[in-house]
Amino acid sequence: MKAFVVQKPLHFEIEQREVPEPKSTEVLVRIKAAGICGSDLHAFKGHLPVVTYPRVLGHEIAGEVVKVGPDVKQRMPGERVVIEPVVECQSCYSCRIQYPHNCVNLQFRGIHIDGGQQEYVVIPEKKAYPVPQDMAFSTAALAEPLGIGLESAKTARLIPGDTVAILGAGPIGLACLIAVKANGHRAIVTDVLDPCLERAKALGADVVVNIKREDMVNSIMEFTDNKGANVIMECAAAGTNFNPMLEASSVCGRIVLVGLIFDKVSYSPYIQVRKHIHLLGTRNSNMIPQAIRMLAEKGKMIENVLVTHRIPFPKVDQGYDIMTNPAEDSCKIILTFPS
């Protein structure tokens, strides 16, 4: 089988490897579609200190079960599945309080262990979630990023009537929007690119704002009748958003940090204390099944809005070139694998 292996940052090879054999409670999955995520690009460039090399990247994975271990009880060959990328220890504090995706001893596909940008992968049976047999693999591969949106909305502790501001309309910002609108909330979305904002409109954003032309804080305050947004989701990974978010937050608002902000930021905690603002981080997802159910209902529409590039494997490097120098109308990249 072929595997896209990053030997070290910015250096890759297409390796020929043996197809692995599933052990006792494992299944062998033939990969049929895999997304390229922003964190994959960080790993490719060497910007994520937790990545070990050499590494097969990719954690947005869908495929077909082709072989099962002797003690597998639920999965069977021929099933279409989404692969959950988290492998947890089941014993640390995070695991004990039902946050396995934040496991202290986390093994994450494409980061600590090999991911899905290869033709086959062996995984534990419980990490293979079945999808409807008529769901396209390219649609199913969106379950993981959509799960991030659902997890972020859960972290925000949304209550009926909350107004939401989403900063950044890339794939994860749009996944957050999908989750927010599914719960019936009004949402304003900001970005610097009009094509991204057009996608936000197509997914139900009530107001979109290009912050190159309009002031972000003023726009959010106008949207909320000068009360501030009850929830702000930072999905642009921009440290410069930090102080404006505090200004644009309502009293008792929640700010959810979704994007990976590597910059150091400076702010006045007094504003946060005075307005009783909850600053929350979110990482990974524990909501793949919920994402699959949502995709079963409206996955084709979501795919049509989000996916702008389909690249045949093993021409993976083309996808990373697009991610490195994206056109204004670029959004989600899906790698497709031959039958």
C-alpha atoms as a PDB file:
ATOM      1  CA  MET A   1       0.000   0.000   0.000  1.00  0.00           C
ATOM      2  CA  LYS A   2       1.001   3.635  -0.457  1.00  0.00           C
ATOM      3  CA  ALA A   3       1.406   6.039   2.467  1.00  0.00           C
ATOM      4  CA  PHE A   4       2.107   9.780   2.513  1.00  0.00           C
ATOM      5  CA  VAL A   5       4.861   9.994   5.129  1.00  0.00           C
ATOM      6  CA  VAL A   6       6.223  13.265   6.479  1.00  0.00           C
ATOM      7  CA  GLN A   7       9.791  12.316   7.357  1.00  0.00           C
ATOM      8  CA  LYS A   8      10.455  15.676   8.975  1.00  0.00           C
ATOM      9  CA  PRO A   9       8.861  19.123   8.625  1.00  0.00           C
ATOM     10  CA  LEU A  10       8.386  20.038   4.935  1.00  0.00           C
ATOM     11  CA  HIS A  11       9.934  16.761   3.734  1.00  0.00           C
ATOM     12  CA  PHE A  12       7.725  13.861   2.625  1.00  0.00           C
ATOM     13  CA  GLU A  13       7.841  10.599   0.696  1.00  0.00           C
ATOM     14  CA  ILE A  14       5.216   8.320  -0.797  1.00  0.00           C
ATOM     15  CA  GLU A  15       6.241   5.055   0.838  1.00  0.00           C
ATOM     16  CA  GLN A  16       5.296   1.551  -0.189  1.00  0.00           C
ATOM     17  CA  ARG A  17       4.280  -0.361   2.937  1.00  0.00           C
ATOM     18  CA  GLU A  18       2.808  -3.746   3.793  1.00  0.00           C
ATOM     19  CA  VAL A  19      -0.945  -3.798   4.396  1.00  0.00           C
ATOM     20  CA  PRO A  20      -1.294  -4.298   8.175  1.00  0.00           C
ATOM     21  CA  GLU A  21      -3.168  -7.217   9.721  1.00  0.00           C
ATOM     22  CA  PRO A  22      -5.906  -6.567  12.313  1.00  0.00           C
ATOM     23  CA  LYS A  23      -5.311  -8.100  15.714  1.00  0.00           C
ATOM     24  CA  SER A  24      -7.887  -9.477  18.144  1.00  0.00           C
ATOM     25  CA  THR A  25     -10.360  -6.566  18.442  1.00  0.00           C
ATOM     26  CA  GLU A  26      -9.102  -4.491  15.514  1.00  0.00           C
ATOM     27  CA  VAL A  27     -10.465  -3.843  12.051  1.00  0.00           C
ATOM     28  CA  LEU A  28      -8.645  -3.123   8.803  1.00  0.00           C
ATOM     29  CA  VAL A  29     -10.099  -0.135   6.965  1.00  0.00           C
ATOM     30  CA  ARG A  30      -9.472   0.727   3.323  1.00  0.00           C
ATOM     31  CA  ILE A  31      -9.347   4.535   3.274  1.00  0.00           C
ATOM     32  CA  LYS A  32     -11.739   6.078   0.752  1.00  0.00           C
ATOM     33  CA  ALA A  33     -11.685   9.777   1.695  1.00  0.00           C
ATOM     34  CA  ALA A  34      -9.536  11.911   3.997  1.00  0.00           C
ATOM     35  CA  GLY A  35      -9.623  15.621   4.714  1.00  0.00           C
ATOM     36  CA  ILE A  36      -6.642  17.920   5.038  1.00  0.00           C
ATOM     37  CA  CYS A  37      -7.063  20.045   8.153  1.00  0.00           C
ATOM     38  CA  GLY A  38      -5.336  23.218   9.281  1.00  0.00           C
ATOM     39  CA  SER A  39      -3.646  21.232  12.037  1.00  0.00           C
ATOM     40  CA  ASP A  40      -2.302  18.845   9.361  1.00  0.00           C
ATOM     41  CA  LEU A  41      -0.671  21.865   7.737  1.00  0.00           C
ATOM     42  CA  HIS A  42       0.834  22.906  11.088  1.00  0.00           C
ATOM     43  CA  ALA A  43       2.189  19.369  11.506  1.00  0.00           C
ATOM     44  CA  PHE A  44       3.522  19.324   7.934  1.00  0.00           C
ATOM     45  CA  LYS A  45       5.399  22.570   8.580  1.00  0.00           C
ATOM     46  CA  GLY A  46       6.665  21.537  12.019  1.00  0.00           C
ATOM     47  CA  HIS A  47       4.630  24.080  13.967  1.00  0.00           C
ATOM     48  CA  LEU A  48       3.035  21.560  16.360  1.00  0.00           C
ATOM     49  CA  PRO A  49       5.547  20.558  19.062  1.00  0.00           C
ATOM     50  CA  VAL A  50       3.570  17.428  19.985  1.00  0.00           C
ATOM     51  CA  VAL A  51       4.005  15.796  16.560  1.00  0.00           C
ATOM     52  CA  THR A  52       6.545  12.999  16.263  1.00  0.00           C
ATOM     53  CA  TYR A  53       8.212  12.147  12.949  1.00  0.00           C
ATOM     54  CA  PRO A  54       8.199  10.296  10.642  1.00  0.00           C
ATOM     55  CA  ARG A  55       4.416  10.515  10.590  1.00  0.00           C
ATOM     56  CA  VAL A  56       1.462   9.739   8.326  1.00  0.00           C
ATOM     57  CA  LEU A  57      -0.830  12.730   8.788  1.00  0.00           C
ATOM     58  CA  GLY A  58      -4.623  12.895   8.612  1.00  0.00           C
ATOM     59  CA  HIS A  59      -7.442  12.543  11.139  1.00  0.00           C
ATOM     60  CA  GLU A  60     -10.566  13.284   9.058  1.00  0.00           C
ATOM     61  CA  ILE A  61     -11.015   9.771   7.755  1.00  0.00           C
ATOM     62  CA  ALA A  62     -13.728   7.640   6.153  1.00  0.00           C
ATOM     63  CA  GLY A  63     -13.417   4.223   4.579  1.00  0.00           C
ATOM     64  CA  GLU A  64     -14.631   0.661   4.249  1.00  0.00           C
ATOM     65  CA  VAL A  65     -13.987  -2.225   6.622  1.00  0.00           C
ATOM     66  CA  VAL A  66     -12.237  -4.971   4.646  1.00  0.00           C
ATOM     67  CA  LYS A  67     -11.080  -7.355   7.390  1.00  0.00           C
ATOM     68  CA  VAL A  68     -11.773  -7.869  11.093  1.00  0.00           C
ATOM     69  CA  GLY A  69      -9.877  -9.484  13.957  1.00  0.00           C
ATOM     70  CA  PRO A  70     -11.136 -12.766  15.453  1.00  0.00           C
ATOM     71  CA  ASP A  71     -12.738 -11.130  18.508  1.00  0.00           C
ATOM     72  CA  VAL A  72     -14.517  -8.264  16.724  1.00  0.00           C
ATOM     73  CA  LYS A  73     -18.213  -8.314  17.626  1.00  0.00           C
ATOM     74  CA  GLN A  74     -19.920  -5.384  15.886  1.00  0.00           C
ATOM     75  CA  ARG A  75     -18.116  -4.366  12.681  1.00  0.00           C
ATOM     76  CA  MET A  76     -18.066  -6.470   9.538  1.00  0.00           C
ATOM     77  CA  PRO A  77     -16.393  -6.321   6.119  1.00  0.00           C
ATOM     78  CA  GLY A  78     -18.206  -4.070   3.654  1.00  0.00           C
ATOM     79  CA  GLU A  79     -19.373  -1.522   6.224  1.00  0.00           C
ATOM     80  CA  ARG A  80     -18.727   2.158   5.615  1.00  0.00           C
ATOM     81  CA  VAL A  81     -17.193   3.810   8.655  1.00  0.00           C
ATOM     82  CA  VAL A  82     -15.819   7.055  10.037  1.00  0.00           C
ATOM     83  CA  ILE A  83     -12.656   6.685  12.096  1.00  0.00           C
ATOM     84  CA  GLU A  84     -12.483   8.477  15.428  1.00  0.00           C
ATOM     85  CA  PRO A  85      -8.878   9.740  15.676  1.00  0.00           C
ATOM     86  CA  VAL A  86      -8.626   9.796  19.476  1.00  0.00           C
ATOM     87  CA  VAL A  87      -7.055   6.867  21.333  1.00  0.00           C
ATOM     88  CA  GLU A  88      -7.399   7.450  25.083  1.00  0.00           C
ATOM     89  CA  CYS A  89      -5.963   5.749  28.171  1.00  0.00           C
ATOM     90  CA  GLN A  90      -9.366   5.381  29.934  1.00  0.00           C
ATOM     91  CA  SER A  91      -7.809   5.970  33.370  1.00  0.00           C
ATOM     92  CA  CYS A  92      -6.624   9.603  33.663  1.00  0.00           C
ATOM     93  CA  TYR A  93      -8.706  12.426  35.142  1.00  0.00           C
ATOM     94  CA  SER A  94     -10.030  13.600  31.744  1.00  0.00           C
ATOM     95  CA  CYS A  95     -11.108  10.091  30.801  1.00  0.00           C
ATOM     96  CA  ARG A  96     -12.779   9.531  34.180  1.00  0.00           C
ATOM     97  CA  ILE A  97     -14.898  12.684  33.803  1.00  0.00           C
ATOM     98  CA  GLN A  98     -16.003  11.712  30.282  1.00  0.00           C
ATOM     99  CA  TYR A  99     -13.559  13.886  28.333  1.00  0.00           C
ATOM    100  CA  PRO A 100     -11.529  11.139  26.613  1.00  0.00           C
ATOM    101  CA  HIS A 101     -10.698  13.487  23.735  1.00  0.00           C
ATOM    102  CA  ASN A 102      -8.624  15.515  26.225  1.00  0.00           C
ATOM    103  CA  CYS A 103      -6.848  12.473  27.639  1.00  0.00           C
ATOM    104  CA  VAL A 104      -3.579  13.282  29.404  1.00  0.00           C
ATOM    105  CA  ASN A 105      -1.993  10.314  27.613  1.00  0.00           C
ATOM    106  CA  LEU A 106      -3.721  11.061  24.317  1.00  0.00           C
ATOM    107  CA  GLN A 107      -2.659   9.265  21.155  1.00  0.00           C
ATOM    108  CA  PHE A 108      -4.105  11.208  18.223  1.00  0.00           C
ATOM    109  CA  ARG A 109      -4.034   9.964  14.645  1.00  0.00           C
ATOM    110  CA  GLY A 110      -1.753  11.998  12.454  1.00  0.00           C
ATOM    111  CA  ILE A 111      -0.015  13.508  15.490  1.00  0.00           C
ATOM    112  CA  HIS A 112       1.238  10.791  17.847  1.00  0.00           C
ATOM    113  CA  ILE A 113       0.317   7.750  15.742  1.00  0.00           C
ATOM    114  CA  ASP A 114      -0.140   7.338  11.996  1.00  0.00           C
ATOM    115  CA  GLY A 115      -3.254   8.823  10.459  1.00  0.00           C
ATOM    116  CA  GLY A 116      -5.384   8.365   7.379  1.00  0.00           C
ATOM    117  CA  GLN A 117      -3.371   9.773   4.487  1.00  0.00           C
ATOM    118  CA  GLN A 118      -2.526   6.241   3.402  1.00  0.00           C
ATOM    119  CA  GLU A 119      -4.442   3.471   1.690  1.00  0.00           C
ATOM    120  CA  TYR A 120      -5.142   1.224   4.711  1.00  0.00           C
ATOM    121  CA  VAL A 121      -5.151   1.593   8.474  1.00  0.00           C
ATOM    122  CA  VAL A 122      -5.783  -0.784  11.373  1.00  0.00           C
ATOM    123  CA  ILE A 123      -7.846   0.623  14.254  1.00  0.00           C
ATOM    124  CA  PRO A 124      -9.643  -0.620  17.388  1.00  0.00           C
ATOM    125  CA  GLU A 125     -13.164  -1.788  16.575  1.00  0.00           C
ATOM    126  CA  LYS A 126     -14.720   0.796  18.900  1.00  0.00           C
ATOM    127  CA  LYS A 127     -13.082   3.627  16.939  1.00  0.00           C
ATOM    128  CA  ALA A 128     -14.921   2.699  13.718  1.00  0.00           C
ATOM    129  CA  TYR A 129     -18.353   4.358  13.610  1.00  0.00           C
ATOM    130  CA  PRO A 130     -20.739   3.049  10.948  1.00  0.00           C
ATOM    131  CA  VAL A 131     -22.378   5.455   8.523  1.00  0.00           C
ATOM    132  CA  PRO A 132     -25.329   4.854   6.186  1.00  0.00           C
ATOM    133  CA  GLN A 133     -24.305   2.710   3.234  1.00  0.00           C
ATOM    134  CA  ASP A 134     -25.633   5.349   0.835  1.00  0.00           C
ATOM    135  CA  MET A 135     -23.545   8.163   2.375  1.00  0.00           C
ATOM    136  CA  ALA A 136     -20.678   9.266   0.143  1.00  0.00           C
ATOM    137  CA  PHE A 137     -17.250   8.736   1.650  1.00  0.00           C
ATOM    138  CA  SER A 138     -16.415  12.386   0.940  1.00  0.00           C
ATOM    139  CA  THR A 139     -19.424  13.372   3.043  1.00  0.00           C
ATOM    140  CA  ALA A 140     -18.532  10.952   5.827  1.00  0.00           C
ATOM    141  CA  ALA A 141     -15.011  12.413   6.052  1.00  0.00           C
ATOM    142  CA  LEU A 142     -16.613  15.660   7.260  1.00  0.00           C
ATOM    143  CA  ALA A 143     -17.811  14.003  10.481  1.00  0.00           C
ATOM    144  CA  GLU A 144     -14.647  14.799  12.428  1.00  0.00           C
ATOM    145  CA  PRO A 145     -14.518  18.559  11.644  1.00  0.00           C
ATOM    146  CA  LEU A 146     -18.286  18.803  12.130  1.00  0.00           C
ATOM    147  CA  GLY A 147     -17.768  17.090  15.488  1.00  0.00           C
ATOM    148  CA  ILE A 148     -15.372  19.913  16.413  1.00  0.00           C
ATOM    149  CA  GLY A 149     -18.161  22.402  15.744  1.00  0.00           C
ATOM    150  CA  LEU A 150     -20.586  20.409  17.870  1.00  0.00           C
ATOM    151  CA  GLU A 151     -18.031  20.067  20.669  1.00  0.00           C
ATOM    152  CA  SER A 152     -17.370  23.823  20.580  1.00  0.00           C
ATOM    153  CA  ALA A 153     -21.088  24.557  20.844  1.00  0.00           C
ATOM    154  CA  LYS A 154     -21.313  22.149  23.776  1.00  0.00           C
ATOM    155  CA  THR A 155     -18.354  23.882  25.444  1.00  0.00           C
ATOM    156  CA  ALA A 156     -20.146  27.226  25.012  1.00  0.00           C
ATOM    157  CA  ARG A 157     -23.061  25.990  27.150  1.00  0.00           C
ATOM    158  CA  LEU A 158     -25.586  27.566  24.800  1.00  0.00           C
ATOM    159  CA  ILE A 159     -29.004  28.342  26.221  1.00  0.00           C
ATOM    160  CA  PRO A 160     -32.159  29.339  24.310  1.00  0.00           C
ATOM    161  CA  GLY A 161     -32.024  32.920  23.076  1.00  0.00           C
ATOM    162  CA  ASP A 162     -28.225  33.221  23.120  1.00  0.00           C
ATOM    163  CA  THR A 163     -26.665  35.339  20.396  1.00  0.00           C
ATOM    164  CA  VAL A 164     -23.451  33.989  18.903  1.00  0.00           C
ATOM    165  CA  ALA A 165     -20.514  35.630  17.134  1.00  0.00           C
ATOM    166  CA  ILE A 166     -18.206  33.357  15.138  1.00  0.00           C
ATOM    167  CA  LEU A 167     -14.853  34.882  14.222  1.00  0.00           C
ATOM    168  CA  GLY A 168     -13.448  33.160  11.156  1.00  0.00           C
ATOM    169  CA  ALA A 169     -15.362  31.383   8.386  1.00  0.00           C
ATOM    170  CA  GLY A 170     -12.925  28.644   7.472  1.00  0.00           C
ATOM    171  CA  PRO A 171     -13.983  24.981   7.694  1.00  0.00           C
ATOM    172  CA  ILE A 172     -14.012  24.893  11.517  1.00  0.00           C
ATOM    173  CA  GLY A 173     -15.753  28.251  11.875  1.00  0.00           C
ATOM    174  CA  LEU A 174     -18.409  27.020   9.444  1.00  0.00           C
ATOM    175  CA  ALA A 175     -18.712  23.758  11.404  1.00  0.00           C
ATOM    176  CA  CYS A 176     -19.373  25.857  14.515  1.00  0.00           C
ATOM    177  CA  LEU A 177     -21.994  27.815  12.578  1.00  0.00           C
ATOM    178  CA  ILE A 178     -23.734  24.599  11.506  1.00  0.00           C
ATOM    179  CA  ALA A 179     -23.853  23.455  15.140  1.00  0.00           C
ATOM    180  CA  VAL A 180     -25.102  26.808  16.399  1.00  0.00           C
ATOM    181  CA  LYS A 181     -27.850  27.110  13.781  1.00  0.00           C
ATOM    182  CA  ALA A 182     -28.964  23.528  14.441  1.00  0.00           C
ATOM    183  CA  ASN A 183     -29.829  24.725  17.944  1.00  0.00           C
ATOM    184  CA  GLY A 184     -31.807  27.707  16.635  1.00  0.00           C
ATOM    185  CA  HIS A 185     -29.464  30.533  17.650  1.00  0.00           C
ATOM    186  CA  ARG A 186     -28.918  33.824  15.849  1.00  0.00           C
ATOM    187  CA  ALA A 187     -25.341  34.112  14.614  1.00  0.00           C
ATOM    188  CA  ILE A 188     -23.068  36.760  13.164  1.00  0.00           C
ATOM    189  CA  VAL A 189     -19.959  35.570  11.300  1.00  0.00           C
ATOM    190  CA  THR A 190     -16.857  37.649  10.580  1.00  0.00           C
ATOM    191  CA  ASP A 191     -13.985  37.064   8.179  1.00  0.00           C
ATOM    192  CA  VAL A 192     -11.669  38.961   5.825  1.00  0.00           C
ATOM    193  CA  LEU A 193     -12.668  37.044   2.676  1.00  0.00           C
ATOM    194  CA  ASP A 194     -15.999  37.482   0.910  1.00  0.00           C
ATOM    195  CA  PRO A 195     -16.141  33.898  -0.488  1.00  0.00           C
ATOM    196  CA  CYS A 196     -15.877  32.559   3.065  1.00  0.00           C
ATOM    197  CA  LEU A 197     -18.713  34.828   4.146  1.00  0.00           C
ATOM    198  CA  GLU A 198     -20.838  33.686   1.191  1.00  0.00           C
ATOM    199  CA  ARG A 199     -20.459  30.129   2.453  1.00  0.00           C
ATOM    200  CA  ALA A 200     -21.525  31.306   5.908  1.00  0.00           C
ATOM    201  CA  LYS A 201     -24.657  32.839   4.381  1.00  0.00           C
ATOM    202  CA  ALA A 202     -25.428  29.582   2.590  1.00  0.00           C
ATOM    203  CA  LEU A 203     -25.211  27.773   5.943  1.00  0.00           C
ATOM    204  CA  GLY A 204     -27.650  30.146   7.648  1.00  0.00           C
ATOM    205  CA  ALA A 205     -25.631  32.992   9.162  1.00  0.00           C
ATOM    206  CA  ASP A 206     -27.971  35.835  10.080  1.00  0.00           C
ATOM    207  CA  VAL A 207     -25.334  38.523   9.456  1.00  0.00           C
ATOM    208  CA  VAL A 208     -21.885  38.349   7.866  1.00  0.00           C
ATOM    209  CA  VAL A 209     -19.228  41.023   8.219  1.00  0.00           C
ATOM    210  CA  ASN A 210     -16.012  41.574   6.298  1.00  0.00           C
ATOM    211  CA  ILE A 211     -13.789  43.106   8.963  1.00  0.00           C
ATOM    212  CA  LYS A 212     -11.531  44.605   6.332  1.00  0.00           C
ATOM    213  CA  ARG A 213     -14.387  46.989   5.582  1.00  0.00           C
ATOM    214  CA  GLU A 214     -16.370  47.124   8.828  1.00  0.00           C
ATOM    215  CA  ASP A 215     -15.412  47.275  12.483  1.00  0.00           C
ATOM    216  CA  MET A 216     -15.858  43.897  14.161  1.00  0.00           C
ATOM    217  CA  VAL A 217     -16.819  45.138  17.630  1.00  0.00           C
ATOM    218  CA  ASN A 218     -19.289  47.721  16.335  1.00  0.00           C
ATOM    219  CA  SER A 219     -20.875  45.125  14.048  1.00  0.00           C
ATOM    220  CA  ILE A 220     -21.343  42.639  16.892  1.00  0.00           C
ATOM    221  CA  MET A 221     -22.757  45.311  19.183  1.00  0.00           C
ATOM    222  CA  GLU A 222     -25.197  46.426  16.485  1.00  0.00           C
ATOM    223  CA  PHE A 223     -26.245  42.807  15.902  1.00  0.00           C
ATOM    224  CA  THR A 224     -26.951  42.374  19.627  1.00  0.00           C
ATOM    225  CA  ASP A 225     -28.663  45.725  20.284  1.00  0.00           C
ATOM    226  CA  ASN A 226     -25.540  46.913  22.135  1.00  0.00           C
ATOM    227  CA  LYS A 227     -25.764  44.062  24.650  1.00  0.00           C
ATOM    228  CA  GLY A 228     -22.779  42.126  23.311  1.00  0.00           C
ATOM    229  CA  ALA A 229     -22.704  38.538  22.102  1.00  0.00           C
ATOM    230  CA  ASN A 230     -23.568  35.927  24.697  1.00  0.00           C
ATOM    231  CA  VAL A 231     -21.135  33.522  23.034  1.00  0.00           C
ATOM    232  CA  ILE A 232     -18.080  34.318  20.919  1.00  0.00           C
ATOM    233  CA  MET A 233     -16.257  31.506  19.124  1.00  0.00           C
ATOM    234  CA  GLU A 234     -12.721  32.388  18.042  1.00  0.00           C
ATOM    235  CA  CYS A 235     -12.059  30.254  14.958  1.00  0.00           C
ATOM    236  CA  ALA A 236      -9.601  32.492  13.119  1.00  0.00           C
ATOM    237  CA  ALA A 237      -6.599  31.646  15.328  1.00  0.00           C
ATOM    238  CA  ALA A 238      -5.841  35.358  15.584  1.00  0.00           C
ATOM    239  CA  GLY A 239      -4.328  36.672  18.803  1.00  0.00           C
ATOM    240  CA  THR A 240      -5.392  40.168  17.745  1.00  0.00           C
ATOM    241  CA  ASN A 241      -9.009  39.111  18.332  1.00  0.00           C
ATOM    242  CA  PHE A 242      -8.475  38.729  22.066  1.00  0.00           C
ATOM    243  CA  ASN A 243      -9.175  42.243  23.329  1.00  0.00           C
ATOM    244  CA  PRO A 244     -11.962  42.943  20.785  1.00  0.00           C
ATOM    245  CA  MET A 245     -13.694  39.766  21.978  1.00  0.00           C
ATOM    246  CA  LEU A 246     -13.746  41.065  25.536  1.00  0.00           C
ATOM    247  CA  GLU A 247     -15.241  44.328  24.301  1.00  0.00           C
ATOM    248  CA  ALA A 248     -17.850  42.556  22.168  1.00  0.00           C
ATOM    249  CA  SER A 249     -18.882  40.028  24.829  1.00  0.00           C
ATOM    250  CA  SER A 250     -22.029  40.464  26.853  1.00  0.00           C
ATOM    251  CA  VAL A 251     -22.072  40.426  30.624  1.00  0.00           C
ATOM    252  CA  CYS A 252     -21.812  36.769  31.673  1.00  0.00           C
ATOM    253  CA  GLY A 253     -20.752  35.914  28.145  1.00  0.00           C
ATOM    254  CA  ARG A 254     -18.661  32.921  27.118  1.00  0.00           C
ATOM    255  CA  ILE A 255     -15.625  33.149  24.848  1.00  0.00           C
ATOM    256  CA  VAL A 256     -14.629  29.804  23.318  1.00  0.00           C
ATOM    257  CA  LEU A 257     -11.113  29.507  21.905  1.00  0.00           C
ATOM    258  CA  VAL A 258     -11.425  27.059  19.011  1.00  0.00           C
ATOM    259  CA  GLY A 259      -8.570  28.083  16.715  1.00  0.00           C
ATOM    260  CA  LEU A 260      -4.944  27.388  17.586  1.00  0.00           C
ATOM    261  CA  ILE A 261      -3.536  30.758  18.697  1.00  0.00           C
ATOM    262  CA  PHE A 262       0.231  30.417  19.006  1.00  0.00           C
ATOM    263  CA  ASP A 263       0.894  34.115  19.631  1.00  0.00           C
ATOM    264  CA  LYS A 264       1.285  35.474  23.129  1.00  0.00           C
ATOM    265  CA  VAL A 265      -1.535  37.863  23.944  1.00  0.00           C
ATOM    266  CA  SER A 266      -1.834  40.705  26.432  1.00  0.00           C
ATOM    267  CA  TYR A 267      -5.115  41.873  27.907  1.00  0.00           C
ATOM    268  CA  SER A 268      -6.630  43.484  30.962  1.00  0.00           C
ATOM    269  CA  PRO A 269      -8.268  40.843  33.200  1.00  0.00           C
ATOM    270  CA  TYR A 270     -10.333  43.628  34.769  1.00  0.00           C
ATOM    271  CA  ILE A 271     -12.675  43.676  31.754  1.00  0.00           C
ATOM    272  CA  GLN A 272     -13.169  39.936  32.052  1.00  0.00           C
ATOM    273  CA  VAL A 273     -13.857  40.171  35.782  1.00  0.00           C
ATOM    274  CA  ARG A 274     -16.133  43.212  35.522  1.00  0.00           C
ATOM    275  CA  LYS A 275     -18.285  41.542  32.851  1.00  0.00           C
ATOM    276  CA  HIS A 276     -18.021  38.059  34.432  1.00  0.00           C
ATOM    277  CA  ILE A 277     -16.820  36.597  31.128  1.00  0.00           C
ATOM    278  CA  HIS A 278     -16.016  32.885  30.991  1.00  0.00           C
ATOM    279  CA  LEU A 279     -12.932  32.149  28.886  1.00  0.00           C
ATOM    280  CA  LEU A 280     -13.066  28.566  27.639  1.00  0.00           C
ATOM    281  CA  GLY A 281     -10.764  26.373  25.585  1.00  0.00           C
ATOM    282  CA  THR A 282     -11.905  23.414  23.515  1.00  0.00           C
ATOM    283  CA  ARG A 283      -9.866  20.636  21.976  1.00  0.00           C
ATOM    284  CA  ASN A 284     -10.782  17.680  19.763  1.00  0.00           C
ATOM    285  CA  SER A 285     -14.235  16.134  19.861  1.00  0.00           C
ATOM    286  CA  ASN A 286     -16.260  13.425  21.526  1.00  0.00           C
ATOM    287  CA  MET A 287     -19.243  13.865  19.181  1.00  0.00           C
ATOM    288  CA  ILE A 288     -18.605  11.776  16.062  1.00  0.00           C
ATOM    289  CA  PRO A 289     -21.956   9.906  16.376  1.00  0.00           C
ATOM    290  CA  GLN A 290     -23.895  13.181  16.582  1.00  0.00           C
ATOM    291  CA  ALA A 291     -21.984  14.504  13.571  1.00  0.00           C
ATOM    292  CA  ILE A 292     -22.845  11.379  11.580  1.00  0.00           C
ATOM    293  CA  ARG A 293     -26.546  11.811  12.376  1.00  0.00           C
ATOM    294  CA  MET A 294     -26.412  15.421  11.192  1.00  0.00           C
ATOM    295  CA  LEU A 295     -24.629  14.417   7.993  1.00  0.00           C
ATOM    296  CA  ALA A 296     -27.246  11.721   7.374  1.00  0.00           C
ATOM    297  CA  GLU A 297     -29.865  14.492   7.306  1.00  0.00           C
ATOM    298  CA  LYS A 298     -28.104  17.238   5.358  1.00  0.00           C
ATOM    299  CA  GLY A 299     -24.614  16.011   4.563  1.00  0.00           C
ATOM    300  CA  LYS A 300     -24.807  16.562   0.816  1.00  0.00           C
ATOM    301  CA  MET A 301     -25.698  20.223   1.282  1.00  0.00           C
ATOM    302  CA  ILE A 302     -22.893  20.671   3.830  1.00  0.00           C
ATOM    303  CA  GLU A 303     -20.399  18.980   1.512  1.00  0.00           C
ATOM    304  CA  ASN A 304     -21.460  21.121  -1.445  1.00  0.00           C
ATOM    305  CA  VAL A 305     -20.829  24.283   0.584  1.00  0.00           C
ATOM    306  CA  LEU A 306     -17.607  23.284   2.331  1.00  0.00           C
ATOM    307  CA  VAL A 307     -15.639  21.145  -0.114  1.00  0.00           C
ATOM    308  CA  THR A 308     -13.853  23.139  -2.816  1.00  0.00           C
ATOM    309  CA  HIS A 309     -11.098  20.686  -3.791  1.00  0.00           C
ATOM    310  CA  ARG A 310     -11.051  16.924  -4.357  1.00  0.00           C
ATOM    311  CA  ILE A 311      -7.547  15.606  -4.952  1.00  0.00           C
ATOM    312  CA  PRO A 312      -6.729  12.013  -5.869  1.00  0.00           C
ATOM    313  CA  PHE A 313      -4.366  10.144  -3.569  1.00  0.00           C
ATOM    314  CA  PRO A 314      -1.341   9.994  -3.664  1.00  0.00           C
ATOM    315  CA  LYS A 315      -1.076  13.548  -5.044  1.00  0.00           C
ATOM    316  CA  VAL A 316      -1.333  14.763  -1.474  1.00  0.00           C
ATOM    317  CA  ASP A 317       1.376  17.369  -1.905  1.00  0.00           C
ATOM    318  CA  GLN A 318      -0.959  19.326  -4.174  1.00  0.00           C
ATOM    319  CA  GLY A 319      -3.363  19.653  -1.266  1.00  0.00           C
ATOM    320  CA  TYR A 320      -0.649  21.003   1.016  1.00  0.00           C
ATOM    321  CA  ASP A 321       0.393  23.455  -1.697  1.00  0.00           C
ATOM    322  CA  ILE A 322      -3.189  24.740  -1.827  1.00  0.00           C
ATOM    323  CA  MET A 323      -3.326  24.957   1.971  1.00  0.00           C
ATOM    324  CA  THR A 324      -0.030  26.864   2.053  1.00  0.00           C
ATOM    325  CA  ASN A 325      -1.070  29.353  -0.648  1.00  0.00           C
ATOM    326  CA  PRO A 326      -4.872  29.277  -0.616  1.00  0.00           C
ATOM    327  CA  ALA A 327      -6.975  31.079  -3.155  1.00  0.00           C
ATOM    328  CA  GLU A 328      -9.677  33.325  -1.700  1.00  0.00           C
ATOM    329  CA  ASP A 329     -12.379  30.820  -2.652  1.00  0.00           C
ATOM    330  CA  SER A 330     -10.612  27.774  -1.126  1.00  0.00           C
ATOM    331  CA  CYS A 331     -12.214  25.939   1.757  1.00  0.00           C
ATOM    332  CA  LYS A 332     -12.164  22.200   2.477  1.00  0.00           C
ATOM    333  CA  ILE A 333      -9.806  19.797   0.704  1.00  0.00           C
ATOM    334  CA  ILE A 334     -10.743  16.111   0.470  1.00  0.00           C
ATOM    335  CA  LEU A 335      -8.345  13.408  -0.692  1.00  0.00           C
ATOM    336  CA  THR A 336     -10.096  10.697  -2.708  1.00  0.00           C
ATOM    337  CA  PHE A 337      -8.821   7.127  -2.938  1.00  0.00           C
ATOM    338  CA  PRO A 338      -9.339   4.690  -5.824  1.00  0.00           C
ATOM    339  CA  SER A 339     -11.721   1.759  -5.511  1.00  0.00           C
END
